[in-house]
Each structure stands twice: as C-alpha cells, then as structure tokens.
Protein backbone atom coordinates (compact mmCIF):
# COMPACT_ATOMS: atom_id res chain seq x y z
CA MET A 1 100.08 128.78 72.14
CA GLU A 2 96.93 128.31 74.21
CA PRO A 3 97.03 129.29 77.90
CA ARG A 4 96.22 125.74 78.93
CA GLU A 5 99.13 124.43 76.85
CA ILE A 6 101.52 127.00 78.36
CA ILE A 7 100.52 125.99 81.89
CA LYS A 8 100.68 122.30 81.02
CA ALA A 9 104.19 122.75 79.57
CA HIS A 10 105.22 124.67 82.69
CA LEU A 11 103.89 121.91 84.94
CA GLU A 12 105.80 119.30 82.94
CA LEU A 13 108.99 121.37 83.26
CA CYS A 14 108.40 121.72 87.01
CA CYS A 15 108.06 117.95 87.27
CA ASN A 16 111.36 117.53 85.40
CA VAL A 17 113.07 120.02 87.72
CA HIS A 18 111.65 118.23 90.74
CA ASP A 19 112.90 114.86 89.46
CA LEU A 20 116.35 116.32 88.90
CA LEU A 21 116.43 117.82 92.39
CA LEU A 22 115.34 114.49 93.84
CA GLU A 23 118.20 112.84 91.99
CA GLU A 24 120.58 115.46 93.38
CA ASN A 25 119.16 114.96 96.88
CA THR A 26 119.67 111.20 96.65
CA TRP A 27 123.22 111.74 95.45
CA LEU A 28 123.98 114.12 98.32
CA LYS A 29 122.57 111.76 100.92
CA THR A 30 124.21 108.59 99.60
CA GLN A 31 127.55 109.86 98.33
CA ASN A 32 128.08 112.57 100.97
CA GLU A 33 129.80 114.78 98.42
CA VAL A 34 129.12 117.42 95.80
CA PRO A 35 127.20 116.01 92.80
CA SER A 36 128.89 115.04 89.57
CA THR A 37 129.44 117.66 86.89
CA GLU A 38 127.02 115.78 84.64
CA LEU A 39 124.19 116.38 87.10
CA LEU A 40 125.19 120.01 87.57
CA ASP A 41 125.31 120.48 83.78
CA ARG A 42 121.78 119.10 83.46
CA LYS A 43 120.60 121.59 86.07
CA GLN A 44 122.36 124.40 84.23
CA ASN A 45 120.72 123.36 80.95
CA MET A 46 117.27 123.66 82.52
CA LEU A 47 117.70 127.33 83.38
CA PRO A 48 116.97 128.65 79.86
CA GLN A 49 113.89 126.43 79.70
CA LEU A 50 112.67 127.85 82.99
CA GLU A 51 113.30 131.41 81.81
CA GLU A 52 111.31 130.77 78.65
CA SER A 53 108.48 129.15 80.60
CA LEU A 54 108.32 132.09 83.00
CA SER A 55 108.29 134.49 80.09
CA ASN A 56 105.35 132.62 78.56
CA LEU A 57 103.49 132.63 81.86
CA ARG A 58 103.95 136.39 82.23
CA LYS A 59 102.27 136.93 78.87
CA LEU A 60 99.07 135.20 79.99
CA LYS A 61 96.07 137.30 80.87
CA PRO A 62 93.02 136.14 82.86
CA GLU A 63 90.68 136.79 79.95
CA TYR A 64 92.53 134.22 77.82
CA PHE A 65 91.42 131.35 80.06
CA SER A 66 88.38 129.26 79.44
CA PRO A 67 86.20 128.67 82.49
CA PHE A 68 85.38 125.21 81.15
CA ASP A 69 88.80 123.57 80.96
CA ASP A 70 91.16 122.33 83.66
CA SER A 71 93.50 125.35 83.60
CA LYS A 72 92.80 126.22 87.23
CA LYS A 73 93.62 122.65 88.27
CA LEU A 74 96.88 122.80 86.29
CA VAL A 75 97.81 126.10 87.94
CA ASN A 76 97.21 124.57 91.38
CA GLN A 77 99.30 121.52 90.47
CA SER A 78 102.11 123.79 89.24
CA HIS A 79 101.96 125.78 92.44
CA SER A 80 102.12 122.63 94.52
CA LYS A 81 105.07 121.32 92.52
CA LEU A 82 106.90 124.64 92.92
CA LEU A 83 106.51 124.44 96.69
CA GLN A 84 108.00 120.94 96.61
CA ILE A 85 110.85 122.24 94.45
CA PHE A 86 111.59 125.10 96.85
CA TYR A 87 111.62 122.77 99.84
CA LEU A 88 113.86 120.21 98.14
CA ASP A 89 116.20 122.88 96.79
CA ARG A 90 116.60 124.31 100.29
CA GLU A 91 117.43 120.87 101.67
CA ASN A 92 119.97 120.31 98.89
CA GLU A 93 121.50 123.70 99.55
CA ASP A 94 121.91 122.87 103.25
CA LEU A 95 123.54 119.54 102.39
CA LEU A 96 125.89 121.18 99.89
CA LEU A 97 126.87 123.78 102.45
CA LYS A 98 127.62 121.05 104.94
CA PHE A 99 129.86 119.18 102.48
CA THR A 100 131.78 122.24 101.36
CA GLN A 101 132.64 123.43 104.87
CA SER A 102 135.93 122.54 106.50
CA THR A 103 136.09 119.43 108.66
CA GLU A 104 136.50 121.52 111.80
CA ARG A 105 133.36 123.45 111.02
CA GLN A 106 131.37 120.29 110.30
CA THR A 107 132.28 118.78 113.66
CA PHE A 108 132.04 122.01 115.66
CA ASN A 109 129.67 121.77 118.60
CA ARG A 110 128.71 125.08 120.11
CA PHE A 111 127.54 123.53 123.37
CA THR A 112 130.51 121.55 124.62
CA THR A 113 129.97 122.31 128.30
CA PRO A 114 127.57 119.85 129.91
CA PRO A 115 124.59 121.32 131.79
CA GLU A 116 125.89 120.03 135.13
CA GLU A 117 129.08 122.04 134.74
CA ILE A 118 127.10 125.18 133.90
CA THR A 119 125.05 124.70 137.07
CA GLU A 120 128.26 124.37 139.11
CA ILE A 121 129.59 127.62 137.62
CA HIS A 122 126.36 129.41 138.52
CA ASP A 123 126.49 128.03 142.05
CA ARG A 124 130.04 129.42 142.52
CA LEU A 125 129.06 132.96 141.51
CA PRO A 126 128.43 135.37 144.38
CA ARG A 127 124.78 136.05 144.90
CA GLU A 128 123.22 139.36 145.80
CA GLU A 129 121.83 139.42 149.31
CA GLU A 130 118.09 139.79 149.37
CA GLY A 131 118.17 142.71 151.80
CA ASP A 132 121.03 144.51 150.03
CA SER A 133 119.42 146.70 147.40
CA SER A 134 122.39 149.08 147.14
CA LYS A 135 123.89 146.92 144.36
CA SER A 136 120.72 147.11 142.35
CA ASN A 137 119.30 150.13 140.56
CA ILE A 138 115.76 148.88 141.15
CA HIS A 139 114.11 150.09 144.34
CA PRO A 140 110.95 148.26 145.39
CA GLU A 141 109.46 151.44 146.90
CA ASP A 142 109.93 153.38 143.65
CA PRO A 143 106.67 153.24 141.60
CA LYS A 144 108.61 154.09 138.42
CA SER A 145 110.58 150.85 138.41
C-alpha cells in the first residue's frame, strides 16, 4: 500500500472514531447515563482497526513519501483530528465518571461555608500583638530571617 493511501485510510478511520465519540458525547449529555451497549460495542470493534492502522503507520519511512503529493496535508489533517478525538474523549470520560459516581458524591460541595462565615471565624481568632515578638520565631533585627 502506498504511504499516501495508508495516511488517507488512517485519516478516514480517525474521522469515524471522532463521529462515534461525538455520538457518545451527545448521548451522555442528553440521556445523562452510560451509553447503550450497542454504542460501546461499536467502539470496541474499532480498536482492532486502530491497532492495524497504527501498525501500518509505524512501517512508513520518510523516503517513501513523494514531495509532490498531498501526504503532508493529510498528516496534518490526521494530527488535527487526533487532537479533537483526545479532547472529546476526555470530556466523555469526565461525563462518564460523573454518572458512575454515587449520588452523594455528585452533589458534594467542598465549599459549604459561605465567605462571610469564614471572615467571622477569622475575626474571632486571637491576634498576635504587633509589639509581642516572643510568640514568633522571626526577629526583625536578625539579618538571617
């Protein structure tokens, strides 16, 4: 197979993967649940195709490419599509994680104390007197500190 054809086939596969991930992303956002097994099976079936495509790409050598065809453009398009795939896959992963966590974890809010209450707590704490340096290990006269 020609290098251009290998890259073109890889780009087409990347487009198919991207479409599938978009479908999964839409499912996750509209259904708010884990995708159907049919969609997961389709993703699983793409893995051997991706492995084969990567294997074919690894066999390519720079000297096989023609400087006169659009191989470089196809490589750049593949790279761009892969970046989109990585971004979308990460978003899907975050959504899946959210849906598979317990309800308590999904609704957990780390910052439940309002800022006003935190300020009140700080105001109630005893403050160090400005002239009392015995509580502090830092001495203003000491050049080492």
